[in-house]
Full PDB file with SEQRES, HELIX, SHEET, SSBOND, CRYST1, ORIGX, SCALE, CONECT and MASTER records, all heavy atoms in Angstrom:
SEQRES   1 A   46  VAL ALA LEU VAL ALA VAL PHE PHE PHE MET SER ILE MET          
SEQRES   2 A   46  PHE PRO THR ILE PHE ALA MET GLY VAL LYS ASN LEU GLY          
SEQRES   3 A   46  PRO HIS THR LYS ARG GLY SER SER PHE LEU ILE MET ALA          
SEQRES   4 A   46  ILE VAL GLY GLY ALA LEU MET                                  
HELIX    1 AA1 ALA A    2  MET A   10  1                                   9    
HELIX    2 AA2 MET A   13  VAL A   22  1                                  10    
HELIX    3 AA3 GLY A   26  HIS A   28  5                                   3    
HELIX    4 AA4 THR A   29  MET A   38  1                                  10    
HELIX    5 AA5 ALA A   39  VAL A   41  5                                   3    
HELIX    6 AA6 GLY A   42  LEU A   45  1                                   4    
CRYST1    1.000    1.000    1.000  90.00  90.00  90.00 P 1           1          
ORIGX1      1.000000  0.000000  0.000000        0.00000                         
ORIGX2      0.000000  1.000000  0.000000        0.00000                         
ORIGX3      0.000000  0.000000  1.000000        0.00000                         
SCALE1      1.000000  0.000000  0.000000        0.00000                         
SCALE2      0.000000  1.000000  0.000000        0.00000                         
SCALE3      0.000000  0.000000  1.000000        0.00000                         
ATOM      1  N   VAL A   1      73.822  49.766 -33.516  1.00  0.00           N  
ATOM      2  CA  VAL A   1      73.220  50.344 -32.362  1.00  0.00           C  
ATOM      3  C   VAL A   1      73.774  49.670 -31.111  1.00  0.00           C  
ATOM      4  O   VAL A   1      74.093  50.237 -30.039  1.00  0.00           O  
ATOM      5  CB  VAL A   1      71.672  50.367 -32.325  1.00  0.00           C  
ATOM      6  CG1 VAL A   1      71.085  50.830 -31.007  1.00  0.00           C  
ATOM      7  CG2 VAL A   1      71.170  51.226 -33.481  1.00  0.00           C  
ATOM      8  N   ALA A   2      73.712  48.332 -31.102  1.00  0.00           N  
ATOM      9  CA  ALA A   2      74.293  47.499 -30.043  1.00  0.00           C  
ATOM     10  C   ALA A   2      75.803  47.776 -29.801  1.00  0.00           C  
ATOM     11  O   ALA A   2      76.253  47.844 -28.614  1.00  0.00           O  
ATOM     12  CB  ALA A   2      74.084  46.005 -30.427  1.00  0.00           C  
ATOM     13  N   LEU A   3      76.507  47.969 -30.922  1.00  0.00           N  
ATOM     14  CA  LEU A   3      77.894  48.272 -30.736  1.00  0.00           C  
ATOM     15  C   LEU A   3      78.071  49.661 -29.966  1.00  0.00           C  
ATOM     16  O   LEU A   3      78.963  49.826 -29.134  1.00  0.00           O  
ATOM     17  CB  LEU A   3      78.600  48.389 -32.055  1.00  0.00           C  
ATOM     18  CG  LEU A   3      80.114  48.581 -32.103  1.00  0.00           C  
ATOM     19  CD1 LEU A   3      80.852  47.690 -31.295  1.00  0.00           C  
ATOM     20  CD2 LEU A   3      80.680  48.601 -33.604  1.00  0.00           C  
ATOM     21  N   VAL A   4      77.314  50.649 -30.395  1.00  0.00           N  
ATOM     22  CA  VAL A   4      77.349  51.909 -29.745  1.00  0.00           C  
ATOM     23  C   VAL A   4      76.968  51.806 -28.208  1.00  0.00           C  
ATOM     24  O   VAL A   4      77.670  52.355 -27.341  1.00  0.00           O  
ATOM     25  CB  VAL A   4      76.397  52.844 -30.365  1.00  0.00           C  
ATOM     26  CG1 VAL A   4      76.261  54.262 -29.522  1.00  0.00           C  
ATOM     27  CG2 VAL A   4      76.864  53.273 -31.759  1.00  0.00           C  
ATOM     28  N   ALA A   5      76.038  50.936 -27.886  1.00  0.00           N  
ATOM     29  CA  ALA A   5      75.580  50.775 -26.521  1.00  0.00           C  
ATOM     30  C   ALA A   5      76.700  50.123 -25.659  1.00  0.00           C  
ATOM     31  O   ALA A   5      76.756  50.305 -24.434  1.00  0.00           O  
ATOM     32  CB  ALA A   5      74.325  49.853 -26.463  1.00  0.00           C  
ATOM     33  N   VAL A   6      77.531  49.286 -26.261  1.00  0.00           N  
ATOM     34  CA  VAL A   6      78.664  48.656 -25.568  1.00  0.00           C  
ATOM     35  C   VAL A   6      79.525  49.651 -24.880  1.00  0.00           C  
ATOM     36  O   VAL A   6      79.891  49.546 -23.745  1.00  0.00           O  
ATOM     37  CB  VAL A   6      79.565  47.826 -26.591  1.00  0.00           C  
ATOM     38  CG1 VAL A   6      80.888  47.478 -25.878  1.00  0.00           C  
ATOM     39  CG2 VAL A   6      78.795  46.618 -27.027  1.00  0.00           C  
ATOM     40  N   PHE A   7      79.657  50.900 -25.464  1.00  0.00           N  
ATOM     41  CA  PHE A   7      80.495  51.888 -24.943  1.00  0.00           C  
ATOM     42  C   PHE A   7      79.976  52.408 -23.544  1.00  0.00           C  
ATOM     43  O   PHE A   7      80.701  52.792 -22.709  1.00  0.00           O  
ATOM     44  CB  PHE A   7      80.636  53.073 -25.862  1.00  0.00           C  
ATOM     45  CG  PHE A   7      81.615  52.783 -27.043  1.00  0.00           C  
ATOM     46  CD1 PHE A   7      81.271  52.051 -28.121  1.00  0.00           C  
ATOM     47  CD2 PHE A   7      82.907  53.227 -26.992  1.00  0.00           C  
ATOM     48  CE1 PHE A   7      82.091  51.720 -29.180  1.00  0.00           C  
ATOM     49  CE2 PHE A   7      83.813  52.974 -28.034  1.00  0.00           C  
ATOM     50  CZ  PHE A   7      83.420  52.207 -29.151  1.00  0.00           C  
ATOM     51  N   PHE A   8      78.616  52.536 -23.508  1.00  0.00           N  
ATOM     52  CA  PHE A   8      77.975  53.045 -22.256  1.00  0.00           C  
ATOM     53  C   PHE A   8      78.314  52.070 -21.095  1.00  0.00           C  
ATOM     54  O   PHE A   8      78.728  52.501 -20.070  1.00  0.00           O  
ATOM     55  CB  PHE A   8      76.432  53.151 -22.455  1.00  0.00           C  
ATOM     56  CG  PHE A   8      75.772  53.592 -21.189  1.00  0.00           C  
ATOM     57  CD1 PHE A   8      75.440  54.966 -21.096  1.00  0.00           C  
ATOM     58  CD2 PHE A   8      75.412  52.683 -20.211  1.00  0.00           C  
ATOM     59  CE1 PHE A   8      74.779  55.448 -19.830  1.00  0.00           C  
ATOM     60  CE2 PHE A   8      74.668  53.136 -19.120  1.00  0.00           C  
ATOM     61  CZ  PHE A   8      74.455  54.559 -18.924  1.00  0.00           C  
ATOM     62  N   PHE A   9      78.125  50.778 -21.358  1.00  0.00           N  
ATOM     63  CA  PHE A   9      78.327  49.818 -20.277  1.00  0.00           C  
ATOM     64  C   PHE A   9      79.799  49.472 -19.894  1.00  0.00           C  
ATOM     65  O   PHE A   9      80.028  48.889 -18.849  1.00  0.00           O  
ATOM     66  CB  PHE A   9      77.484  48.546 -20.579  1.00  0.00           C  
ATOM     67  CG  PHE A   9      76.027  48.837 -20.560  1.00  0.00           C  
ATOM     68  CD1 PHE A   9      75.297  48.926 -21.829  1.00  0.00           C  
ATOM     69  CD2 PHE A   9      75.261  48.989 -19.375  1.00  0.00           C  
ATOM     70  CE1 PHE A   9      73.962  49.184 -21.792  1.00  0.00           C  
ATOM     71  CE2 PHE A   9      73.930  49.312 -19.320  1.00  0.00           C  
ATOM     72  CZ  PHE A   9      73.268  49.335 -20.569  1.00  0.00           C  
ATOM     73  N   MET A  10      80.688  49.740 -20.836  1.00  0.00           N  
ATOM     74  CA  MET A  10      82.110  49.563 -20.490  1.00  0.00           C  
ATOM     75  C   MET A  10      82.765  50.749 -19.893  1.00  0.00           C  
ATOM     76  O   MET A  10      83.963  50.751 -19.511  1.00  0.00           O  
ATOM     77  CB  MET A  10      82.893  48.985 -21.657  1.00  0.00           C  
ATOM     78  CG  MET A  10      83.244  49.953 -22.747  1.00  0.00           C  
ATOM     79  SD  MET A  10      84.224  49.087 -24.046  1.00  0.00           S  
ATOM     80  CE  MET A  10      84.430  50.507 -25.202  1.00  0.00           C  
ATOM     81  N   SER A  11      81.995  51.853 -19.721  1.00  0.00           N  
ATOM     82  CA  SER A  11      82.506  53.146 -19.274  1.00  0.00           C  
ATOM     83  C   SER A  11      83.180  53.106 -17.879  1.00  0.00           C  
ATOM     84  O   SER A  11      84.158  53.664 -17.671  1.00  0.00           O  
ATOM     85  CB  SER A  11      81.363  54.234 -19.278  1.00  0.00           C  
ATOM     86  OG  SER A  11      80.334  53.794 -18.357  1.00  0.00           O  
ATOM     87  N   ILE A  12      82.587  52.329 -17.013  1.00  0.00           N  
ATOM     88  CA  ILE A  12      83.147  52.341 -15.614  1.00  0.00           C  
ATOM     89  C   ILE A  12      84.145  51.213 -15.360  1.00  0.00           C  
ATOM     90  O   ILE A  12      84.714  51.166 -14.307  1.00  0.00           O  
ATOM     91  CB  ILE A  12      81.980  52.142 -14.646  1.00  0.00           C  
ATOM     92  CG1 ILE A  12      81.377  50.679 -14.744  1.00  0.00           C  
ATOM     93  CG2 ILE A  12      80.913  53.151 -14.689  1.00  0.00           C  
ATOM     94  CD1 ILE A  12      80.625  50.175 -13.513  1.00  0.00           C  
ATOM     95  N   MET A  13      84.451  50.357 -16.389  1.00  0.00           N  
ATOM     96  CA  MET A  13      85.215  49.179 -16.165  1.00  0.00           C  
ATOM     97  C   MET A  13      86.669  49.458 -15.692  1.00  0.00           C  
ATOM     98  O   MET A  13      87.147  48.989 -14.745  1.00  0.00           O  
ATOM     99  CB  MET A  13      85.051  48.161 -17.222  1.00  0.00           C  
ATOM    100  CG  MET A  13      83.677  47.674 -17.343  1.00  0.00           C  
ATOM    101  SD  MET A  13      83.487  46.464 -18.727  1.00  0.00           S  
ATOM    102  CE  MET A  13      81.726  46.111 -18.598  1.00  0.00           C  
ATOM    103  N   PHE A  14      87.404  50.365 -16.498  1.00  0.00           N  
ATOM    104  CA  PHE A  14      88.714  50.504 -16.188  1.00  0.00           C  
ATOM    105  C   PHE A  14      88.934  51.174 -14.846  1.00  0.00           C  
ATOM    106  O   PHE A  14      89.675  50.586 -13.977  1.00  0.00           O  
ATOM    107  CB  PHE A  14      89.323  51.398 -17.373  1.00  0.00           C  
ATOM    108  CG  PHE A  14      90.863  51.717 -17.043  1.00  0.00           C  
ATOM    109  CD1 PHE A  14      91.805  50.861 -17.516  1.00  0.00           C  
ATOM    110  CD2 PHE A  14      91.266  52.783 -16.286  1.00  0.00           C  
ATOM    111  CE1 PHE A  14      93.184  51.106 -17.297  1.00  0.00           C  
ATOM    112  CE2 PHE A  14      92.579  53.075 -16.064  1.00  0.00           C  
ATOM    113  CZ  PHE A  14      93.469  52.162 -16.570  1.00  0.00           C  
ATOM    114  N   PRO A  15      88.183  52.349 -14.556  1.00  0.00           N  
ATOM    115  CA  PRO A  15      88.508  52.961 -13.266  1.00  0.00           C  
ATOM    116  C   PRO A  15      88.119  52.108 -12.016  1.00  0.00           C  
ATOM    117  O   PRO A  15      88.654  52.134 -11.007  1.00  0.00           O  
ATOM    118  CB  PRO A  15      87.670  54.234 -13.306  1.00  0.00           C  
ATOM    119  CG  PRO A  15      86.730  54.117 -14.281  1.00  0.00           C  
ATOM    120  CD  PRO A  15      87.410  53.182 -15.381  1.00  0.00           C  
ATOM    121  N   THR A  16      86.983  51.359 -12.238  1.00  0.00           N  
ATOM    122  CA  THR A  16      86.476  50.469 -11.131  1.00  0.00           C  
ATOM    123  C   THR A  16      87.464  49.275 -10.835  1.00  0.00           C  
ATOM    124  O   THR A  16      87.733  49.022  -9.751  1.00  0.00           O  
ATOM    125  CB  THR A  16      85.073  49.873 -11.468  1.00  0.00           C  
ATOM    126  OG1 THR A  16      84.150  51.083 -11.738  1.00  0.00           O  
ATOM    127  CG2 THR A  16      84.522  49.100 -10.180  1.00  0.00           C  
ATOM    128  N   ILE A  17      87.912  48.673 -11.920  1.00  0.00           N  
ATOM    129  CA  ILE A  17      88.885  47.572 -11.716  1.00  0.00           C  
ATOM    130  C   ILE A  17      90.154  48.152 -11.185  1.00  0.00           C  
ATOM    131  O   ILE A  17      90.809  47.544 -10.205  1.00  0.00           O  
ATOM    132  CB  ILE A  17      89.180  46.906 -13.107  1.00  0.00           C  
ATOM    133  CG1 ILE A  17      87.949  46.158 -13.634  1.00  0.00           C  
ATOM    134  CG2 ILE A  17      90.395  45.930 -12.958  1.00  0.00           C  
ATOM    135  CD1 ILE A  17      88.069  45.811 -15.113  1.00  0.00           C  
ATOM    136  N   PHE A  18      90.614  49.361 -11.644  1.00  0.00           N  
ATOM    137  CA  PHE A  18      91.876  49.904 -11.136  1.00  0.00           C  
ATOM    138  C   PHE A  18      91.755  50.300  -9.621  1.00  0.00           C  
ATOM    139  O   PHE A  18      92.608  49.911  -8.826  1.00  0.00           O  
ATOM    140  CB  PHE A  18      92.163  51.211 -11.872  1.00  0.00           C  
ATOM    141  CG  PHE A  18      93.525  51.708 -11.682  1.00  0.00           C  
ATOM    142  CD1 PHE A  18      94.625  51.453 -12.533  1.00  0.00           C  
ATOM    143  CD2 PHE A  18      93.868  52.492 -10.530  1.00  0.00           C  
ATOM    144  CE1 PHE A  18      95.877  51.885 -12.393  1.00  0.00           C  
ATOM    145  CE2 PHE A  18      95.102  52.934 -10.350  1.00  0.00           C  
ATOM    146  CZ  PHE A  18      96.147  52.696 -11.199  1.00  0.00           C  
ATOM    147  N   ALA A  19      90.611  50.896  -9.198  1.00  0.00           N  
ATOM    148  CA  ALA A  19      90.398  51.232  -7.844  1.00  0.00           C  
ATOM    149  C   ALA A  19      90.240  50.075  -6.971  1.00  0.00           C  
ATOM    150  O   ALA A  19      90.804  50.048  -5.828  1.00  0.00           O  
ATOM    151  CB  ALA A  19      89.178  52.161  -7.705  1.00  0.00           C  
ATOM    152  N   MET A  20      89.593  49.079  -7.419  1.00  0.00           N  
ATOM    153  CA  MET A  20      89.485  47.784  -6.667  1.00  0.00           C  
ATOM    154  C   MET A  20      90.818  47.171  -6.490  1.00  0.00           C  
ATOM    155  O   MET A  20      91.189  46.629  -5.474  1.00  0.00           O  
ATOM    156  CB  MET A  20      88.529  46.778  -7.318  1.00  0.00           C  
ATOM    157  CG  MET A  20      87.097  47.178  -7.234  1.00  0.00           C  
ATOM    158  SD  MET A  20      86.029  46.245  -8.342  1.00  0.00           S  
ATOM    159  CE  MET A  20      86.221  44.490  -7.651  1.00  0.00           C  
ATOM    160  N   GLY A  21      91.652  47.219  -7.491  1.00  0.00           N  
ATOM    161  CA  GLY A  21      93.014  46.619  -7.424  1.00  0.00           C  
ATOM    162  C   GLY A  21      93.998  47.317  -6.526  1.00  0.00           C  
ATOM    163  O   GLY A  21      94.771  46.637  -5.918  1.00  0.00           O  
ATOM    164  N   VAL A  22      93.982  48.673  -6.446  1.00  0.00           N  
ATOM    165  CA  VAL A  22      94.903  49.317  -5.662  1.00  0.00           C  
ATOM    166  C   VAL A  22      94.434  49.695  -4.257  1.00  0.00           C  
ATOM    167  O   VAL A  22      95.160  50.143  -3.369  1.00  0.00           O  
ATOM    168  CB  VAL A  22      95.448  50.613  -6.358  1.00  0.00           C  
ATOM    169  CG1 VAL A  22      96.062  50.470  -7.663  1.00  0.00           C  
ATOM    170  CG2 VAL A  22      94.282  51.755  -6.427  1.00  0.00           C  
ATOM    171  N   LYS A  23      93.151  49.395  -4.027  1.00  0.00           N  
ATOM    172  CA  LYS A  23      92.533  49.748  -2.674  1.00  0.00           C  
ATOM    173  C   LYS A  23      93.243  48.970  -1.577  1.00  0.00           C  
ATOM    174  O   LYS A  23      93.456  47.772  -1.660  1.00  0.00           O  
ATOM    175  CB  LYS A  23      90.966  49.413  -2.737  1.00  0.00           C  
ATOM    176  CG  LYS A  23      90.286  50.043  -1.560  1.00  0.00           C  
ATOM    177  CD  LYS A  23      88.760  49.880  -1.832  1.00  0.00           C  
ATOM    178  CE  LYS A  23      87.933  50.580  -0.774  1.00  0.00           C  
ATOM    179  NZ  LYS A  23      86.473  50.439  -1.070  1.00  0.00           N  
ATOM    180  N   ASN A  24      93.590  49.694  -0.456  1.00  0.00           N  
ATOM    181  CA  ASN A  24      94.259  49.164   0.677  1.00  0.00           C  
ATOM    182  C   ASN A  24      95.641  48.590   0.444  1.00  0.00           C  
ATOM    183  O   ASN A  24      96.121  47.698   1.201  1.00  0.00           O  
ATOM    184  CB  ASN A  24      93.345  48.081   1.306  1.00  0.00           C  
ATOM    185  CG  ASN A  24      92.019  48.609   1.716  1.00  0.00           C  
ATOM    186  OD1 ASN A  24      91.886  49.767   2.218  1.00  0.00           O  
ATOM    187  ND2 ASN A  24      90.894  47.880   1.469  1.00  0.00           N  
ATOM    188  N   LEU A  25      96.252  48.991  -0.682  1.00  0.00           N  
ATOM    189  CA  LEU A  25      97.635  48.551  -0.901  1.00  0.00           C  
ATOM    190  C   LEU A  25      98.632  49.239  -0.106  1.00  0.00           C  
ATOM    191  O   LEU A  25      99.783  48.874   0.077  1.00  0.00           O  
ATOM    192  CB  LEU A  25      97.955  48.627  -2.385  1.00  0.00           C  
ATOM    193  CG  LEU A  25      97.350  47.643  -3.371  1.00  0.00           C  
ATOM    194  CD1 LEU A  25      97.851  47.775  -4.782  1.00  0.00           C  
ATOM    195  CD2 LEU A  25      97.509  46.178  -2.911  1.00  0.00           C  
ATOM    196  N   GLY A  26      98.263  50.406   0.376  1.00  0.00           N  
ATOM    197  CA  GLY A  26      99.177  51.249   1.221  1.00  0.00           C  
ATOM    198  C   GLY A  26     100.416  51.631   0.557  1.00  0.00           C  
ATOM    199  O   GLY A  26     100.461  52.152  -0.617  1.00  0.00           O  
ATOM    200  N   PRO A  27     101.594  51.110   1.097  1.00  0.00           N  
ATOM    201  CA  PRO A  27     102.914  51.456   0.574  1.00  0.00           C  
ATOM    202  C   PRO A  27     103.145  50.887  -0.828  1.00  0.00           C  
ATOM    203  O   PRO A  27     104.067  51.204  -1.592  1.00  0.00           O  
ATOM    204  CB  PRO A  27     103.928  50.924   1.470  1.00  0.00           C  
ATOM    205  CG  PRO A  27     103.196  49.791   2.210  1.00  0.00           C  
ATOM    206  CD  PRO A  27     101.708  50.243   2.211  1.00  0.00           C  
ATOM    207  N   HIS A  28     102.346  49.825  -1.183  1.00  0.00           N  
ATOM    208  CA  HIS A  28     102.535  49.139  -2.431  1.00  0.00           C  
ATOM    209  C   HIS A  28     101.697  49.842  -3.570  1.00  0.00           C  
ATOM    210  O   HIS A  28     101.645  49.328  -4.666  1.00  0.00           O  
ATOM    211  CB  HIS A  28     102.000  47.710  -2.357  1.00  0.00           C  
ATOM    212  CG  HIS A  28     102.632  46.966  -1.209  1.00  0.00           C  
ATOM    213  ND1 HIS A  28     104.076  46.764  -1.152  1.00  0.00           N  
ATOM    214  CD2 HIS A  28     102.110  46.237  -0.136  1.00  0.00           C  
ATOM    215  CE1 HIS A  28     104.271  45.984  -0.082  1.00  0.00           C  
ATOM    216  NE2 HIS A  28     103.190  45.720   0.597  1.00  0.00           N  
ATOM    217  N   THR A  29     101.069  50.974  -3.301  1.00  0.00           N  
ATOM    218  CA  THR A  29     100.136  51.620  -4.193  1.00  0.00           C  
ATOM    219  C   THR A  29     100.817  52.024  -5.504  1.00  0.00           C  
ATOM    220  O   THR A  29     100.268  51.637  -6.616  1.00  0.00           O  
ATOM    221  CB  THR A  29      99.525  52.802  -3.588  1.00  0.00           C  
ATOM    222  OG1 THR A  29      98.739  52.456  -2.431  1.00  0.00           O  
ATOM    223  CG2 THR A  29      98.586  53.495  -4.512  1.00  0.00           C  
ATOM    224  N   LYS A  30     101.990  52.647  -5.498  1.00  0.00           N  
ATOM    225  CA  LYS A  30     102.670  53.023  -6.708  1.00  0.00           C  
ATOM    226  C   LYS A  30     103.080  51.833  -7.558  1.00  0.00           C  
ATOM    227  O   LYS A  30     102.926  51.752  -8.790  1.00  0.00           O  
ATOM    228  CB  LYS A  30     103.837  53.876  -6.397  1.00  0.00           C  
ATOM    229  CG  LYS A  30     103.493  55.255  -5.710  1.00  0.00           C  
ATOM    230  CD  LYS A  30     104.774  56.161  -5.700  1.00  0.00           C  
ATOM    231  CE  LYS A  30     104.480  57.452  -4.909  1.00  0.00           C  
ATOM    232  NZ  LYS A  30     104.442  57.221  -3.457  1.00  0.00           N  
ATOM    233  N   ARG A  31     103.681  50.824  -6.914  1.00  0.00           N  
ATOM    234  CA  ARG A  31     104.100  49.623  -7.573  1.00  0.00           C  
ATOM    235  C   ARG A  31     102.883  48.854  -8.125  1.00  0.00           C  
ATOM    236  O   ARG A  31     102.967  48.356  -9.240  1.00  0.00           O  
ATOM    237  CB  ARG A  31     104.999  48.770  -6.728  1.00  0.00           C  
ATOM    238  CG  ARG A  31     105.963  47.875  -7.504  1.00  0.00           C  
ATOM    239  CD  ARG A  31     107.164  47.495  -6.702  1.00  0.00           C  
ATOM    240  NE  ARG A  31     106.860  46.842  -5.426  1.00  0.00           N  
ATOM    241  CZ  ARG A  31     106.753  45.583  -5.242  1.00  0.00           C  
ATOM    242  NH1 ARG A  31     106.975  44.784  -6.238  1.00  0.00           N  
ATOM    243  NH2 ARG A  31     106.466  45.086  -4.023  1.00  0.00           N  
ATOM    244  N   GLY A  32     101.853  48.754  -7.306  1.00  0.00           N  
ATOM    245  CA  GLY A  32     100.638  48.086  -7.723  1.00  0.00           C  
ATOM    246  C   GLY A  32     100.098  48.781  -8.927  1.00  0.00           C  
ATOM    247  O   GLY A  32      99.615  48.167  -9.960  1.00  0.00           O  
ATOM    248  N   SER A  33     100.111  50.135  -8.902  1.00  0.00           N  
ATOM    249  CA  SER A  33      99.645  50.964 -10.069  1.00  0.00           C  
ATOM    250  C   SER A  33     100.375  50.656 -11.288  1.00  0.00           C  
ATOM    251  O   SER A  33      99.843  50.552 -12.426  1.00  0.00           O  
ATOM    252  CB  SER A  33      99.768  52.412  -9.739  1.00  0.00           C  
ATOM    253  OG  SER A  33      99.463  53.232 -10.927  1.00  0.00           O  
ATOM    254  N   SER A  34     101.712  50.545 -11.190  1.00  0.00           N  
ATOM    255  CA  SER A  34     102.589  50.155 -12.305  1.00  0.00           C  
ATOM    256  C   SER A  34     102.107  48.848 -12.932  1.00  0.00           C  
ATOM    257  O   SER A  34     102.074  48.777 -14.244  1.00  0.00           O  
ATOM    258  CB  SER A  34     104.032  50.068 -11.881  1.00  0.00           C  
ATOM    259  OG  SER A  34     104.544  51.317 -11.445  1.00  0.00           O  
ATOM    260  N   PHE A  35     101.796  47.910 -12.180  1.00  0.00           N  
ATOM    261  CA  PHE A  35     101.425  46.534 -12.780  1.00  0.00           C  
ATOM    262  C   PHE A  35     100.129  46.607 -13.468  1.00  0.00           C  
ATOM    263  O   PHE A  35      99.888  46.053 -14.473  1.00  0.00           O  
ATOM    264  CB  PHE A  35     101.557  45.417 -11.725  1.00  0.00           C  
ATOM    265  CG  PHE A  35     102.930  44.941 -11.386  1.00  0.00           C  
ATOM    266  CD1 PHE A  35     103.477  45.301 -10.169  1.00  0.00           C  
ATOM    267  CD2 PHE A  35     103.583  44.201 -12.355  1.00  0.00           C  
ATOM    268  CE1 PHE A  35     104.787  44.860  -9.879  1.00  0.00           C  
ATOM    269  CE2 PHE A  35     104.902  43.798 -12.038  1.00  0.00           C  
ATOM    270  CZ  PHE A  35     105.523  44.122 -10.824  1.00  0.00           C  
ATOM    271  N   LEU A  36      99.159  47.441 -12.875  1.00  0.00           N  
ATOM    272  CA  LEU A  36      97.872  47.509 -13.422  1.00  0.00           C  
ATOM    273  C   LEU A  36      97.934  48.330 -14.696  1.00  0.00           C  
ATOM    274  O   LEU A  36      97.174  48.023 -15.697  1.00  0.00           O  
ATOM    275  CB  LEU A  36      96.922  48.336 -12.440  1.00  0.00           C  
ATOM    276  CG  LEU A  36      96.354  47.402 -11.389  1.00  0.00           C  
ATOM    277  CD1 LEU A  36      95.814  48.217 -10.198  1.00  0.00           C  
ATOM    278  CD2 LEU A  36      95.241  46.555 -11.856  1.00  0.00           C  
ATOM    279  N   ILE A  37      98.913  49.219 -14.806  1.00  0.00           N  
ATOM    280  CA  ILE A  37      99.105  49.955 -16.121  1.00  0.00           C  
ATOM    281  C   ILE A  37      99.809  49.062 -17.097  1.00  0.00           C  
ATOM    282  O   ILE A  37      99.471  49.080 -18.290  1.00  0.00           O  
ATOM    283  CB  ILE A  37      99.911  51.283 -15.932  1.00  0.00           C  
ATOM    284  CG1 ILE A  37      99.169  52.230 -14.969  1.00  0.00           C  
ATOM    285  CG2 ILE A  37     100.244  51.890 -17.271  1.00  0.00           C  
ATOM    286  CD1 ILE A  37      97.779  52.666 -15.621  1.00  0.00           C  
ATOM    287  N   MET A  38     100.737  48.218 -16.609  1.00  0.00           N  
ATOM    288  CA  MET A  38     101.322  47.268 -17.570  1.00  0.00           C  
ATOM    289  C   MET A  38     100.313  46.331 -18.121  1.00  0.00           C  
ATOM    290  O   MET A  38     100.445  45.869 -19.355  1.00  0.00           O  
ATOM    291  CB  MET A  38     102.369  46.506 -16.748  1.00  0.00           C  
ATOM    292  CG  MET A  38     103.624  47.123 -16.482  1.00  0.00           C  
ATOM    293  SD  MET A  38     104.835  46.149 -15.505  1.00  0.00           S  
ATOM    294  CE  MET A  38     105.384  45.017 -16.845  1.00  0.00           C  
ATOM    295  N   ALA A  39      99.203  46.004 -17.463  1.00  0.00           N  
ATOM    296  CA  ALA A  39      98.190  45.154 -17.891  1.00  0.00           C  
ATOM    297  C   ALA A  39      97.478  45.727 -19.173  1.00  0.00           C  
ATOM    298  O   ALA A  39      96.818  44.994 -19.865  1.00  0.00           O  
ATOM    299  CB  ALA A  39      97.123  44.879 -16.763  1.00  0.00           C  
ATOM    300  N   ILE A  40      97.675  47.016 -19.402  1.00  0.00           N  
ATOM    301  CA  ILE A  40      97.070  47.703 -20.551  1.00  0.00           C  
ATOM    302  C   ILE A  40      97.706  47.018 -21.807  1.00  0.00           C  
ATOM    303  O   ILE A  40      97.028  47.266 -22.959  1.00  0.00           O  
ATOM    304  CB  ILE A  40      97.283  49.237 -20.449  1.00  0.00           C  
ATOM    305  CG1 ILE A  40      96.374  49.753 -19.368  1.00  0.00           C  
ATOM    306  CG2 ILE A  40      97.055  49.926 -21.813  1.00  0.00           C  
ATOM    307  CD1 ILE A  40      96.606  51.223 -19.111  1.00  0.00           C  
ATOM    308  N   VAL A  41      98.761  46.306 -21.827  1.00  0.00           N  
ATOM    309  CA  VAL A  41      99.288  45.669 -22.909  1.00  0.00           C  
ATOM    310  C   VAL A  41      98.263  44.781 -23.687  1.00  0.00           C  
ATOM    311  O   VAL A  41      98.485  44.467 -24.791  1.00  0.00           O  
ATOM    312  CB  VAL A  41     100.612  44.830 -22.478  1.00  0.00           C  
ATOM    313  CG1 VAL A  41     100.221  43.567 -21.816  1.00  0.00           C  
ATOM    314  CG2 VAL A  41     101.461  44.594 -23.727  1.00  0.00           C  
ATOM    315  N   GLY A  42      97.233  44.411 -22.931  1.00  0.00           N  
ATOM    316  CA  GLY A  42      96.223  43.659 -23.592  1.00  0.00           C  
ATOM    317  C   GLY A  42      95.613  44.355 -24.797  1.00  0.00           C  
ATOM    318  O   GLY A  42      95.312  43.837 -25.807  1.00  0.00           O  
ATOM    319  N   GLY A  43      95.632  45.722 -24.745  1.00  0.00           N  
ATOM    320  CA  GLY A  43      95.231  46.593 -25.781  1.00  0.00           C  
ATOM    321  C   GLY A  43      96.120  46.517 -26.958  1.00  0.00           C  
ATOM    322  O   GLY A  43      95.719  46.874 -28.106  1.00  0.00           O  
ATOM    323  N   ALA A  44      97.438  46.167 -26.733  1.00  0.00           N  
ATOM    324  CA  ALA A  44      98.350  46.044 -27.870  1.00  0.00           C  
ATOM    325  C   ALA A  44      98.121  44.821 -28.659  1.00  0.00           C  
ATOM    326  O   ALA A  44      98.473  44.763 -29.870  1.00  0.00           O  
ATOM    327  CB  ALA A  44      99.802  46.145 -27.283  1.00  0.00           C  
ATOM    328  N   LEU A  45      97.678  43.729 -28.023  1.00  0.00           N  
ATOM    329  CA  LEU A  45      97.527  42.512 -28.715  1.00  0.00           C  
ATOM    330  C   LEU A  45      96.183  42.317 -29.426  1.00  0.00           C  
ATOM    331  O   LEU A  45      96.119  41.816 -30.572  1.00  0.00           O  
ATOM    332  CB  LEU A  45      97.756  41.367 -27.636  1.00  0.00           C  
ATOM    333  CG  LEU A  45      99.051  41.422 -26.868  1.00  0.00           C  
ATOM    334  CD1 LEU A  45      99.078  40.298 -25.745  1.00  0.00           C  
ATOM    335  CD2 LEU A  45     100.278  41.262 -27.769  1.00  0.00           C  
ATOM    336  N   MET A  46      95.099  42.774 -28.820  1.00  0.00           N  
ATOM    337  CA  MET A  46      93.757  42.470 -29.293  1.00  0.00           C  
ATOM    338  C   MET A  46      93.460  42.878 -30.748  1.00  0.00           C  
ATOM    339  O   MET A  46      92.997  42.237 -31.544  1.00  0.00           O  
ATOM    340  CB  MET A  46      92.699  43.016 -28.316  1.00  0.00           C  
ATOM    341  CG  MET A  46      91.320  42.804 -28.850  1.00  0.00           C  
ATOM    342  SD  MET A  46      90.867  40.982 -28.875  1.00  0.00           S  
ATOM    343  CE  MET A  46      90.363  40.720 -27.231  1.00  0.00           C  
TER     344      MET A  46                                                      
MASTER        0    0    0    6    0    0    0    6  343    1    0    4          
END                                                                             
């Protein structure tokens, strides 16, 4: 039950971290987005 509940509370984490990361980057938004997507490599290792 606790494991199922983890999914509810991690629901907002990816988009919130992403939006915080690219906010106010202006012309750097696309390149910043690329690096934030590259960070997904953490999912390849875990």
